[in-house]
Every structure is written in C-alpha cells, then in structure tokens.
Amino acid sequence: MSEISIGDAIKAFLKKSRLNSGIQALQIEQIWETMMGKTIAKYTDKIQIINHTLFIRTNVGPLKQELMYQKEKIIERVNEALGEKVIKEVVIQ
C-alpha cells in the first residue's frame, strides 16, 4: 500500500467531487478585485462555476457590455489564477 499525504488525498477527493467548483468559485471571488479591478468587483453580484462555465452576475448594463468584450481575457486570467484550465466559457448575467 502506498503512502500519500493528507493534502494530496484531499486534492484527489475534491477533484472528483462536486465541491471542487464551489471551492474554485470562492477562490475566484477572493482574487476577483485583484484580477479585474475595484470598480468591476464592486458591481459584480455573484460568481459561480458550473460545468467549466463561469457565470458572472451584475445588474449594471454598461458593465455587462464591458465584460462581454473581455470574455477571453477573463478565461485566461481565471485559469492562470487557478493554475489549471478550469474555465472554458463565460456567461454574463
């Protein structure tokens, strides 16, 4: 029987469970202001990951438009921050 660290065991469990996307969404929320700037972070209501899709909710029309233009950059920044290719699509709500 091989030995693995508890950290590696937890990472393996999270990778296979549905909890992983929730944890990744929390990680994104924590660094959202740093990645996107104070103004965007202030008016972003909710961030959620479902099936490799990042859902960003805001009630500010001009911000929705701006985020639409930045989809590719958002995908790139988020995947870089998470250290793996998690996000394949961005939906602005």
C-alpha atoms as a PDB file:
ATOM      1  CA  MET A   1       0.000   0.000   0.000  1.00  0.00           C
ATOM      2  CA  SER A   2       1.475   3.333  -1.000  1.00  0.00           C
ATOM      3  CA  GLU A   3       1.508   6.327   1.270  1.00  0.00           C
ATOM      4  CA  ILE A   4       0.133   9.715   0.246  1.00  0.00           C
ATOM      5  CA  SER A   5      -0.097  12.901   2.216  1.00  0.00           C
ATOM      6  CA  ILE A   6      -3.415  14.056   3.603  1.00  0.00           C
ATOM      7  CA  GLY A   7      -3.165  17.155   1.396  1.00  0.00           C
ATOM      8  CA  ASP A   8      -2.820  15.011  -1.726  1.00  0.00           C
ATOM      9  CA  ALA A   9      -5.736  12.824  -0.596  1.00  0.00           C
ATOM     10  CA  ILE A  10      -7.952  15.900  -0.103  1.00  0.00           C
ATOM     11  CA  LYS A  11      -6.968  17.303  -3.508  1.00  0.00           C
ATOM     12  CA  ALA A  12      -7.793  13.972  -5.163  1.00  0.00           C
ATOM     13  CA  PHE A  13     -11.157  13.845  -3.391  1.00  0.00           C
ATOM     14  CA  LEU A  14     -12.049  17.422  -4.340  1.00  0.00           C
ATOM     15  CA  LYS A  15     -11.066  16.853  -7.960  1.00  0.00           C
ATOM     16  CA  LYS A  16     -13.590  14.017  -8.196  1.00  0.00           C
ATOM     17  CA  SER A  17     -16.357  15.647  -6.135  1.00  0.00           C
ATOM     18  CA  ARG A  18     -18.815  18.399  -6.991  1.00  0.00           C
ATOM     19  CA  LEU A  19     -17.409  20.500  -4.157  1.00  0.00           C
ATOM     20  CA  ASN A  20     -14.441  21.449  -6.304  1.00  0.00           C
ATOM     21  CA  SER A  21     -16.287  24.008  -8.456  1.00  0.00           C
ATOM     22  CA  GLY A  22     -17.683  25.721  -5.348  1.00  0.00           C
ATOM     23  CA  ILE A  23     -14.227  25.961  -3.830  1.00  0.00           C
ATOM     24  CA  GLN A  24     -12.813  27.304  -7.084  1.00  0.00           C
ATOM     25  CA  ALA A  25     -15.602  29.905  -7.238  1.00  0.00           C
ATOM     26  CA  LEU A  26     -14.654  31.020  -3.718  1.00  0.00           C
ATOM     27  CA  GLN A  27     -11.017  31.288  -4.781  1.00  0.00           C
ATOM     28  CA  ILE A  28     -12.044  33.435  -7.740  1.00  0.00           C
ATOM     29  CA  GLU A  29     -14.205  35.674  -5.529  1.00  0.00           C
ATOM     30  CA  GLN A  30     -11.235  36.228  -3.211  1.00  0.00           C
ATOM     31  CA  ILE A  31      -8.970  37.438  -6.020  1.00  0.00           C
ATOM     32  CA  TRP A  32     -11.648  38.953  -8.296  1.00  0.00           C
ATOM     33  CA  GLU A  33     -10.811  42.544  -7.313  1.00  0.00           C
ATOM     34  CA  THR A  34      -7.103  41.991  -7.935  1.00  0.00           C
ATOM     35  CA  MET A  35      -7.777  40.358 -11.317  1.00  0.00           C
ATOM     36  CA  MET A  36     -10.477  42.709 -12.616  1.00  0.00           C
ATOM     37  CA  GLY A  37     -10.129  45.941 -10.640  1.00  0.00           C
ATOM     38  CA  LYS A  38     -12.104  47.606  -7.852  1.00  0.00           C
ATOM     39  CA  THR A  39     -14.910  49.014  -9.995  1.00  0.00           C
ATOM     40  CA  ILE A  40     -15.780  45.712 -11.658  1.00  0.00           C
ATOM     41  CA  ALA A  41     -15.527  43.846  -8.351  1.00  0.00           C
ATOM     42  CA  LYS A  42     -17.775  46.377  -6.623  1.00  0.00           C
ATOM     43  CA  TYR A  43     -20.613  45.880  -9.121  1.00  0.00           C
ATOM     44  CA  THR A  44     -20.292  42.115  -9.578  1.00  0.00           C
ATOM     45  CA  ASP A  45     -23.067  40.453  -7.576  1.00  0.00           C
ATOM     46  CA  LYS A  46     -22.264  36.751  -7.891  1.00  0.00           C
ATOM     47  CA  ILE A  47     -19.632  34.423  -9.344  1.00  0.00           C
ATOM     48  CA  GLN A  48     -20.408  30.761  -9.932  1.00  0.00           C
ATOM     49  CA  ILE A  49     -18.810  27.832 -11.798  1.00  0.00           C
ATOM     50  CA  ILE A  50     -20.981  25.120 -13.353  1.00  0.00           C
ATOM     51  CA  ASN A  51     -19.558  22.554 -15.796  1.00  0.00           C
ATOM     52  CA  HIS A  52     -16.448  24.575 -16.707  1.00  0.00           C
ATOM     53  CA  THR A  53     -18.549  27.704 -17.262  1.00  0.00           C
ATOM     54  CA  LEU A  54     -18.004  30.836 -15.190  1.00  0.00           C
ATOM     55  CA  PHE A  55     -21.244  32.696 -14.522  1.00  0.00           C
ATOM     56  CA  ILE A  56     -20.846  36.374 -13.594  1.00  0.00           C
ATOM     57  CA  ARG A  57     -23.911  38.263 -12.393  1.00  0.00           C
ATOM     58  CA  THR A  58     -24.235  42.055 -12.408  1.00  0.00           C
ATOM     59  CA  ASN A  59     -27.169  44.451 -12.642  1.00  0.00           C
ATOM     60  CA  VAL A  60     -25.132  47.217 -14.285  1.00  0.00           C
ATOM     61  CA  GLY A  61     -25.789  47.366 -18.037  1.00  0.00           C
ATOM     62  CA  PRO A  62     -22.547  49.045 -19.141  1.00  0.00           C
ATOM     63  CA  LEU A  63     -20.535  46.603 -17.013  1.00  0.00           C
ATOM     64  CA  LYS A  64     -22.292  43.651 -18.650  1.00  0.00           C
ATOM     65  CA  GLN A  65     -21.268  45.036 -22.032  1.00  0.00           C
ATOM     66  CA  GLU A  66     -17.665  45.560 -20.917  1.00  0.00           C
ATOM     67  CA  LEU A  67     -17.451  42.020 -19.511  1.00  0.00           C
ATOM     68  CA  MET A  68     -18.830  40.627 -22.778  1.00  0.00           C
ATOM     69  CA  TYR A  69     -15.863  42.149 -24.626  1.00  0.00           C
ATOM     70  CA  GLN A  70     -13.418  40.738 -22.057  1.00  0.00           C
ATOM     71  CA  LYS A  71     -14.592  37.096 -22.018  1.00  0.00           C
ATOM     72  CA  GLU A  72     -11.370  35.645 -23.449  1.00  0.00           C
ATOM     73  CA  LYS A  73      -9.228  37.709 -21.095  1.00  0.00           C
ATOM     74  CA  ILE A  74     -11.374  36.633 -18.121  1.00  0.00           C
ATOM     75  CA  ILE A  75     -10.985  32.954 -19.050  1.00  0.00           C
ATOM     76  CA  GLU A  76      -7.232  33.397 -19.383  1.00  0.00           C
ATOM     77  CA  ARG A  77      -6.847  35.259 -16.066  1.00  0.00           C
ATOM     78  CA  VAL A  78      -9.047  32.890 -14.068  1.00  0.00           C
ATOM     79  CA  ASN A  79      -7.359  29.754 -15.400  1.00  0.00           C
ATOM     80  CA  GLU A  80      -3.973  31.271 -14.692  1.00  0.00           C
ATOM     81  CA  ALA A  81      -5.022  32.158 -11.133  1.00  0.00           C
ATOM     82  CA  LEU A  82      -6.367  28.643 -10.507  1.00  0.00           C
ATOM     83  CA  GLY A  83      -3.287  27.033 -12.027  1.00  0.00           C
ATOM     84  CA  GLU A  84      -5.264  24.828 -14.410  1.00  0.00           C
ATOM     85  CA  LYS A  85      -7.692  25.093 -17.324  1.00  0.00           C
ATOM     86  CA  VAL A  86     -10.957  25.053 -15.393  1.00  0.00           C
ATOM     87  CA  ILE A  87     -12.973  27.680 -17.258  1.00  0.00           C
ATOM     88  CA  LYS A  88     -13.885  27.153 -20.913  1.00  0.00           C
ATOM     89  CA  GLU A  89     -16.802  29.603 -21.211  1.00  0.00           C
ATOM     90  CA  VAL A  90     -18.003  32.807 -19.522  1.00  0.00           C
ATOM     91  CA  VAL A  91     -21.673  33.768 -19.227  1.00  0.00           C
ATOM     92  CA  ILE A  92     -22.607  37.304 -18.179  1.00  0.00           C
ATOM     93  CA  GLN A  93     -25.978  37.546 -16.461  1.00  0.00           C
END
